[in-house]
PDB file of N, CA and C in Angstrom:
ATOM      1  N   UNK A   1     154.703  78.249 -77.241  1.00  0.00           N
ATOM      2  CA  UNK A   1     153.742  77.195 -76.769  1.00  0.00           C
ATOM      3  C   UNK A   1     152.511  77.926 -75.880  1.00  0.00           C
ATOM      4  N   UNK A   2     151.422  77.504 -76.477  1.00  0.00           N
ATOM      5  CA  UNK A   2     150.382  77.885 -76.097  1.00  0.00           C
ATOM      6  C   UNK A   2     149.502  77.184 -74.795  1.00  0.00           C
ATOM      7  N   UNK A   3     149.354  77.742 -73.490  1.00  0.00           N
ATOM      8  CA  UNK A   3     148.886  76.991 -72.157  1.00  0.00           C
ATOM      9  C   UNK A   3     147.304  77.240 -72.148  1.00  0.00           C
ATOM     10  N   UNK A   4     146.723  76.093 -72.199  1.00  0.00           N
ATOM     11  CA  UNK A   4     145.449  75.856 -71.771  1.00  0.00           C
ATOM     12  C   UNK A   4     144.848  75.863 -70.131  1.00  0.00           C
ATOM     13  N   UNK A   5     144.239  76.737 -70.037  1.00  0.00           N
ATOM     14  CA  UNK A   5     143.926  77.079 -68.465  1.00  0.00           C
ATOM     15  C   UNK A   5     143.065  75.852 -67.856  1.00  0.00           C
ATOM     16  N   UNK A   6     143.308  75.365 -66.761  1.00  0.00           N
ATOM     17  CA  UNK A   6     142.893  74.304 -66.115  1.00  0.00           C
ATOM     18  C   UNK A   6     141.392  74.513 -65.630  1.00  0.00           C
ATOM     19  N   UNK A   7     140.389  73.686 -66.013  1.00  0.00           N
ATOM     20  CA  UNK A   7     138.896  73.864 -65.914  1.00  0.00           C
ATOM     21  C   UNK A   7     138.586  73.459 -64.200  1.00  0.00           C
ATOM     22  N   UNK A   8     137.866  74.054 -63.752  1.00  0.00           N
ATOM     23  CA  UNK A   8     137.314  73.615 -62.384  1.00  0.00           C
ATOM     24  C   UNK A   8     136.458  72.149 -62.833  1.00  0.00           C
ATOM     25  N   UNK A   9     136.572  71.355 -61.778  1.00  0.00           N
ATOM     26  CA  UNK A   9     136.063  70.144 -62.066  1.00  0.00           C
ATOM     27  C   UNK A   9     134.268  70.173 -61.881  1.00  0.00           C
ATOM     28  N   UNK A  10     133.894  69.460 -63.025  1.00  0.00           N
ATOM     29  CA  UNK A  10     132.488  69.561 -63.047  1.00  0.00           C
ATOM     30  C   UNK A  10     131.649  69.314 -61.983  1.00  0.00           C
ATOM     31  N   UNK A  11     130.876  69.835 -61.207  1.00  0.00           N
ATOM     32  CA  UNK A  11     130.473  69.506 -59.830  1.00  0.00           C
ATOM     33  C   UNK A  11     129.423  68.446 -59.932  1.00  0.00           C
ATOM     34  N   UNK A  12     128.852  68.278 -61.179  1.00  0.00           N
ATOM     35  CA  UNK A  12     128.299  66.900 -61.752  1.00  0.00           C
ATOM     36  C   UNK A  12     128.934  65.803 -61.522  1.00  0.00           C
ATOM     37  N   UNK A  13     130.297  65.746 -61.779  1.00  0.00           N
ATOM     38  CA  UNK A  13     131.095  64.564 -61.675  1.00  0.00           C
ATOM     39  C   UNK A  13     131.801  64.421 -60.443  1.00  0.00           C
ATOM     40  N   UNK A  14     131.482  65.296 -59.411  1.00  0.00           N
ATOM     41  CA  UNK A  14     132.012  64.917 -57.972  1.00  0.00           C
ATOM     42  C   UNK A  14     131.643  63.663 -57.546  1.00  0.00           C
ATOM     43  N   UNK A  15     132.108  63.154 -56.716  1.00  0.00           N
ATOM     44  CA  UNK A  15     131.733  61.976 -55.819  1.00  0.00           C
ATOM     45  C   UNK A  15     131.374  62.516 -54.646  1.00  0.00           C
ATOM     46  N   UNK A  16     130.136  61.973 -53.977  1.00  0.00           N
ATOM     47  CA  UNK A  16     129.640  62.152 -53.003  1.00  0.00           C
ATOM     48  C   UNK A  16     130.580  61.996 -51.597  1.00  0.00           C
ATOM     49  N   UNK A  17     130.816  63.113 -50.767  1.00  0.00           N
ATOM     50  CA  UNK A  17     131.294  62.810 -49.495  1.00  0.00           C
ATOM     51  C   UNK A  17     130.751  61.909 -48.449  1.00  0.00           C
ATOM     52  N   UNK A  18     129.401  62.137 -48.437  1.00  0.00           N
ATOM     53  CA  UNK A  18     128.591  61.621 -47.610  1.00  0.00           C
ATOM     54  C   UNK A  18     127.220  61.443 -48.163  1.00  0.00           C
ATOM     55  N   UNK A  19     126.446  60.761 -47.295  1.00  0.00           N
ATOM     56  CA  UNK A  19     124.930  60.782 -47.873  1.00  0.00           C
ATOM     57  C   UNK A  19     123.830  61.159 -46.357  1.00  0.00           C
ATOM     58  N   UNK A  20     122.856  61.669 -46.728  1.00  0.00           N
ATOM     59  CA  UNK A  20     122.036  61.966 -45.804  1.00  0.00           C
ATOM     60  C   UNK A  20     121.438  60.723 -45.206  1.00  0.00           C
ATOM     61  N   UNK A  21     121.296  60.850 -43.888  1.00  0.00           N
ATOM     62  CA  UNK A  21     120.935  59.305 -43.248  1.00  0.00           C
ATOM     63  C   UNK A  21     119.275  59.440 -43.290  1.00  0.00           C
ATOM     64  N   UNK A  22     118.529  60.449 -43.565  1.00  0.00           N
ATOM     65  CA  UNK A  22     117.226  60.560 -43.653  1.00  0.00           C
ATOM     66  C   UNK A  22     116.566  60.159 -44.945  1.00  0.00           C
ATOM     67  N   UNK A  23     117.036  60.608 -46.036  1.00  0.00           N
ATOM     68  CA  UNK A  23     116.628  60.797 -47.356  1.00  0.00           C
ATOM     69  C   UNK A  23     117.362  60.151 -48.535  1.00  0.00           C
ATOM     70  N   UNK A  24     118.720  59.683 -47.993  1.00  0.00           N
ATOM     71  CA  UNK A  24     119.665  59.459 -48.633  1.00  0.00           C
ATOM     72  C   UNK A  24     120.377  59.979 -49.778  1.00  0.00           C
ATOM     73  N   UNK A  25     120.114  61.354 -49.861  1.00  0.00           N
ATOM     74  CA  UNK A  25     120.593  62.136 -50.864  1.00  0.00           C
ATOM     75  C   UNK A  25     122.033  62.478 -50.684  1.00  0.00           C
ATOM     76  N   UNK A  26     122.832  62.511 -51.645  1.00  0.00           N
ATOM     77  CA  UNK A  26     124.251  63.165 -51.872  1.00  0.00           C
ATOM     78  C   UNK A  26     124.278  64.082 -51.022  1.00  0.00           C
ATOM     79  N   UNK A  27     125.510  64.365 -50.395  1.00  0.00           N
ATOM     80  CA  UNK A  27     126.341  65.267 -49.644  1.00  0.00           C
ATOM     81  C   UNK A  27     127.728  65.415 -50.475  1.00  0.00           C
ATOM     82  N   UNK A  28     127.669  66.598 -51.156  1.00  0.00           N
ATOM     83  CA  UNK A  28     128.937  66.562 -51.737  1.00  0.00           C
ATOM     84  C   UNK A  28     129.941  67.633 -51.139  1.00  0.00           C
ATOM     85  N   UNK A  29     131.588  67.737 -51.161  1.00  0.00           N
ATOM     86  CA  UNK A  29     132.076  68.592 -50.540  1.00  0.00           C
ATOM     87  C   UNK A  29     131.746  70.063 -50.668  1.00  0.00           C
ATOM     88  N   UNK A  30     131.766  70.806 -49.489  1.00  0.00           N
ATOM     89  CA  UNK A  30     131.120  72.137 -49.568  1.00  0.00           C
ATOM     90  C   UNK A  30     129.314  72.149 -49.114  1.00  0.00           C
ATOM     91  N   UNK A  31     128.871  71.083 -49.112  1.00  0.00           N
ATOM     92  CA  UNK A  31     127.453  71.180 -48.797  1.00  0.00           C
ATOM     93  C   UNK A  31     127.537  71.208 -47.329  1.00  0.00           C
ATOM     94  N   UNK A  32     126.374  71.965 -46.529  1.00  0.00           N
ATOM     95  CA  UNK A  32     126.317  72.277 -45.139  1.00  0.00           C
ATOM     96  C   UNK A  32     125.461  70.745 -44.723  1.00  0.00           C
ATOM     97  N   UNK A  33     125.731  70.186 -43.725  1.00  0.00           N
ATOM     98  CA  UNK A  33     124.724  69.234 -43.129  1.00  0.00           C
ATOM     99  C   UNK A  33     124.885  69.121 -41.532  1.00  0.00           C
ATOM    100  N   UNK A  34     123.980  68.440 -40.849  1.00  0.00           N
ATOM    101  CA  UNK A  34     123.927  68.270 -39.516  1.00  0.00           C
ATOM    102  C   UNK A  34     124.008  67.068 -39.116  1.00  0.00           C
ATOM    103  N   UNK A  35     124.918  66.940 -38.091  1.00  0.00           N
ATOM    104  CA  UNK A  35     125.181  65.321 -37.544  1.00  0.00           C
ATOM    105  C   UNK A  35     124.741  65.377 -36.293  1.00  0.00           C
ATOM    106  N   UNK A  36     123.690  64.838 -35.655  1.00  0.00           N
ATOM    107  CA  UNK A  36     123.180  64.441 -34.312  1.00  0.00           C
ATOM    108  C   UNK A  36     122.891  63.049 -33.938  1.00  0.00           C
ATOM    109  N   UNK A  37     123.687  62.776 -33.008  1.00  0.00           N
ATOM    110  CA  UNK A  37     123.650  61.216 -32.459  1.00  0.00           C
ATOM    111  C   UNK A  37     123.673  60.303 -33.603  1.00  0.00           C
ATOM    112  N   UNK A  38     124.565  60.660 -34.388  1.00  0.00           N
ATOM    113  CA  UNK A  38     125.219  59.676 -35.565  1.00  0.00           C
ATOM    114  C   UNK A  38     124.140  59.888 -36.858  1.00  0.00           C
ATOM    115  N   UNK A  39     123.201  60.549 -36.860  1.00  0.00           N
ATOM    116  CA  UNK A  39     122.379  60.669 -37.695  1.00  0.00           C
ATOM    117  C   UNK A  39     122.770  61.968 -38.470  1.00  0.00           C
ATOM    118  N   UNK A  40     122.927  61.918 -40.158  1.00  0.00           N
ATOM    119  CA  UNK A  40     123.682  63.059 -40.773  1.00  0.00           C
ATOM    120  C   UNK A  40     122.320  63.525 -41.555  1.00  0.00           C
ATOM    121  N   UNK A  41     122.022  64.812 -41.638  1.00  0.00           N
ATOM    122  CA  UNK A  41     120.728  65.462 -42.186  1.00  0.00           C
ATOM    123  C   UNK A  41     121.131  66.410 -43.014  1.00  0.00           C
ATOM    124  N   UNK A  42     120.413  66.466 -44.602  1.00  0.00           N
ATOM    125  CA  UNK A  42     120.793  67.390 -45.331  1.00  0.00           C
ATOM    126  C   UNK A  42     120.162  68.691 -44.763  1.00  0.00           C
ATOM    127  N   UNK A  43     120.359  70.088 -45.435  1.00  0.00           N
ATOM    128  CA  UNK A  43     119.283  71.117 -45.241  1.00  0.00           C
ATOM    129  C   UNK A  43     117.724  70.858 -45.219  1.00  0.00           C
ATOM    130  N   UNK A  44     117.208  69.916 -46.413  1.00  0.00           N
ATOM    131  CA  UNK A  44     116.051  69.700 -46.441  1.00  0.00           C
ATOM    132  C   UNK A  44     115.359  68.855 -45.491  1.00  0.00           C
ATOM    133  N   UNK A  45     116.176  67.882 -44.841  1.00  0.00           N
ATOM    134  CA  UNK A  45     115.538  67.054 -43.865  1.00  0.00           C
ATOM    135  C   UNK A  45     115.595  67.567 -42.418  1.00  0.00           C
ATOM    136  N   UNK A  46     116.205  68.615 -42.142  1.00  0.00           N
ATOM    137  CA  UNK A  46     116.592  69.155 -40.709  1.00  0.00           C
ATOM    138  C   UNK A  46     115.381  69.352 -39.835  1.00  0.00           C
ATOM    139  N   UNK A  47     114.222  69.823 -40.589  1.00  0.00           N
ATOM    140  CA  UNK A  47     113.055  69.760 -39.734  1.00  0.00           C
ATOM    141  C   UNK A  47     112.547  68.491 -39.283  1.00  0.00           C
ATOM    142  N   UNK A  48     112.748  67.291 -40.053  1.00  0.00           N
ATOM    143  CA  UNK A  48     112.391  65.940 -39.737  1.00  0.00           C
ATOM    144  C   UNK A  48     113.498  65.661 -38.578  1.00  0.00           C
ATOM    145  N   UNK A  49     114.568  65.767 -38.862  1.00  0.00           N
ATOM    146  CA  UNK A  49     115.592  65.415 -37.708  1.00  0.00           C
ATOM    147  C   UNK A  49     115.188  65.947 -36.291  1.00  0.00           C
ATOM    148  N   UNK A  50     114.906  67.466 -36.232  1.00  0.00           N
ATOM    149  CA  UNK A  50     114.603  68.082 -35.247  1.00  0.00           C
ATOM    150  C   UNK A  50     113.360  67.495 -34.632  1.00  0.00           C
ATOM    151  N   UNK A  51     112.159  67.217 -35.287  1.00  0.00           N
ATOM    152  CA  UNK A  51     111.354  66.748 -34.866  1.00  0.00           C
ATOM    153  C   UNK A  51     111.269  65.589 -34.065  1.00  0.00           C
ATOM    154  N   UNK A  52     112.236  64.552 -35.011  1.00  0.00           N
ATOM    155  CA  UNK A  52     112.664  63.412 -34.137  1.00  0.00           C
ATOM    156  C   UNK A  52     113.198  63.420 -32.702  1.00  0.00           C
ATOM    157  N   UNK A  53     114.416  64.088 -32.834  1.00  0.00           N
ATOM    158  CA  UNK A  53     115.167  64.542 -31.458  1.00  0.00           C
ATOM    159  C   UNK A  53     114.466  65.148 -30.423  1.00  0.00           C
ATOM    160  N   UNK A  54     113.378  65.970 -30.740  1.00  0.00           N
ATOM    161  CA  UNK A  54     112.796  66.459 -29.604  1.00  0.00           C
ATOM    162  C   UNK A  54     111.134  66.166 -29.387  1.00  0.00           C
ATOM    163  N   UNK A  55     110.987  64.918 -29.853  1.00  0.00           N
ATOM    164  CA  UNK A  55     109.769  64.008 -29.852  1.00  0.00           C
ATOM    165  C   UNK A  55     109.335  64.022 -28.411  1.00  0.00           C
ATOM    166  N   UNK A  56     110.378  63.468 -27.328  1.00  0.00           N
ATOM    167  CA  UNK A  56     110.143  63.204 -26.149  1.00  0.00           C
ATOM    168  C   UNK A  56     109.891  64.335 -25.272  1.00  0.00           C
ATOM    169  N   UNK A  57     110.067  65.652 -25.776  1.00  0.00           N
ATOM    170  CA  UNK A  57     109.761  66.972 -24.999  1.00  0.00           C
ATOM    171  C   UNK A  57     108.522  67.679 -25.575  1.00  0.00           C
ATOM    172  N   UNK A  58     107.791  66.823 -26.421  1.00  0.00           N
ATOM    173  CA  UNK A  58     106.732  67.526 -27.271  1.00  0.00           C
ATOM    174  C   UNK A  58     105.513  67.285 -25.987  1.00  0.00           C
ATOM    175  N   UNK A  59     104.669  68.705 -25.623  1.00  0.00           N
ATOM    176  CA  UNK A  59     103.616  68.813 -24.886  1.00  0.00           C
ATOM    177  C   UNK A  59     102.516  69.288 -25.498  1.00  0.00           C
ATOM    178  N   UNK A  60     101.425  68.856 -25.121  1.00  0.00           N
ATOM    179  CA  UNK A  60      99.871  69.359 -25.980  1.00  0.00           C
ATOM    180  C   UNK A  60      99.424  70.431 -24.927  1.00  0.00           C
ATOM    181  N   UNK A  61      99.359  71.382 -25.431  1.00  0.00           N
ATOM    182  CA  UNK A  61      98.615  72.689 -24.403  1.00  0.00           C
ATOM    183  C   UNK A  61      97.393  72.176 -24.050  1.00  0.00           C
ATOM    184  N   UNK A  62      97.239  72.270 -22.600  1.00  0.00           N
ATOM    185  CA  UNK A  62      95.935  72.166 -21.883  1.00  0.00           C
ATOM    186  C   UNK A  62      95.764  70.661 -21.503  1.00  0.00           C
ATOM    187  N   UNK A  63      96.803  69.825 -21.722  1.00  0.00           N
ATOM    188  CA  UNK A  63      96.887  68.540 -20.936  1.00  0.00           C
ATOM    189  C   UNK A  63      98.196  68.288 -19.991  1.00  0.00           C
ATOM    190  N   UNK A  64      97.982  67.494 -18.903  1.00  0.00           N
ATOM    191  CA  UNK A  64      98.959  67.441 -18.198  1.00  0.00           C
ATOM    192  C   UNK A  64      99.240  68.626 -17.291  1.00  0.00           C
ATOM    193  N   UNK A  65     100.221  69.232 -17.521  1.00  0.00           N
ATOM    194  CA  UNK A  65     100.851  70.702 -16.812  1.00  0.00           C
ATOM    195  C   UNK A  65      99.827  71.686 -16.847  1.00  0.00           C
ATOM    196  N   UNK A  66      99.716  72.378 -15.404  1.00  0.00           N
ATOM    197  CA  UNK A  66      99.013  73.563 -15.353  1.00  0.00           C
ATOM    198  C   UNK A  66      99.960  74.588 -15.478  1.00  0.00           C
ATOM    199  N   UNK A  67      99.527  75.629 -16.077  1.00  0.00           N
ATOM    200  CA  UNK A  67     100.492  76.897 -16.196  1.00  0.00           C
ATOM    201  C   UNK A  67     100.181  77.586 -15.272  1.00  0.00           C
TER     202      UNK A  67
END
């Protein structure tokens, strides 16, 4: 009797494990994402998440504080 090797699951048929909160993109098992204060961010949206999280700490050079 001949045995056929099992194939790996086609990545395009995998069900997403989660979604990026910012862009709504699918996150599949093995994908890297960041979760900060309940917001999930894919790699593409990481800069936008960082800007939003640190917006309250932004300072414009020459205004306000003296160096």
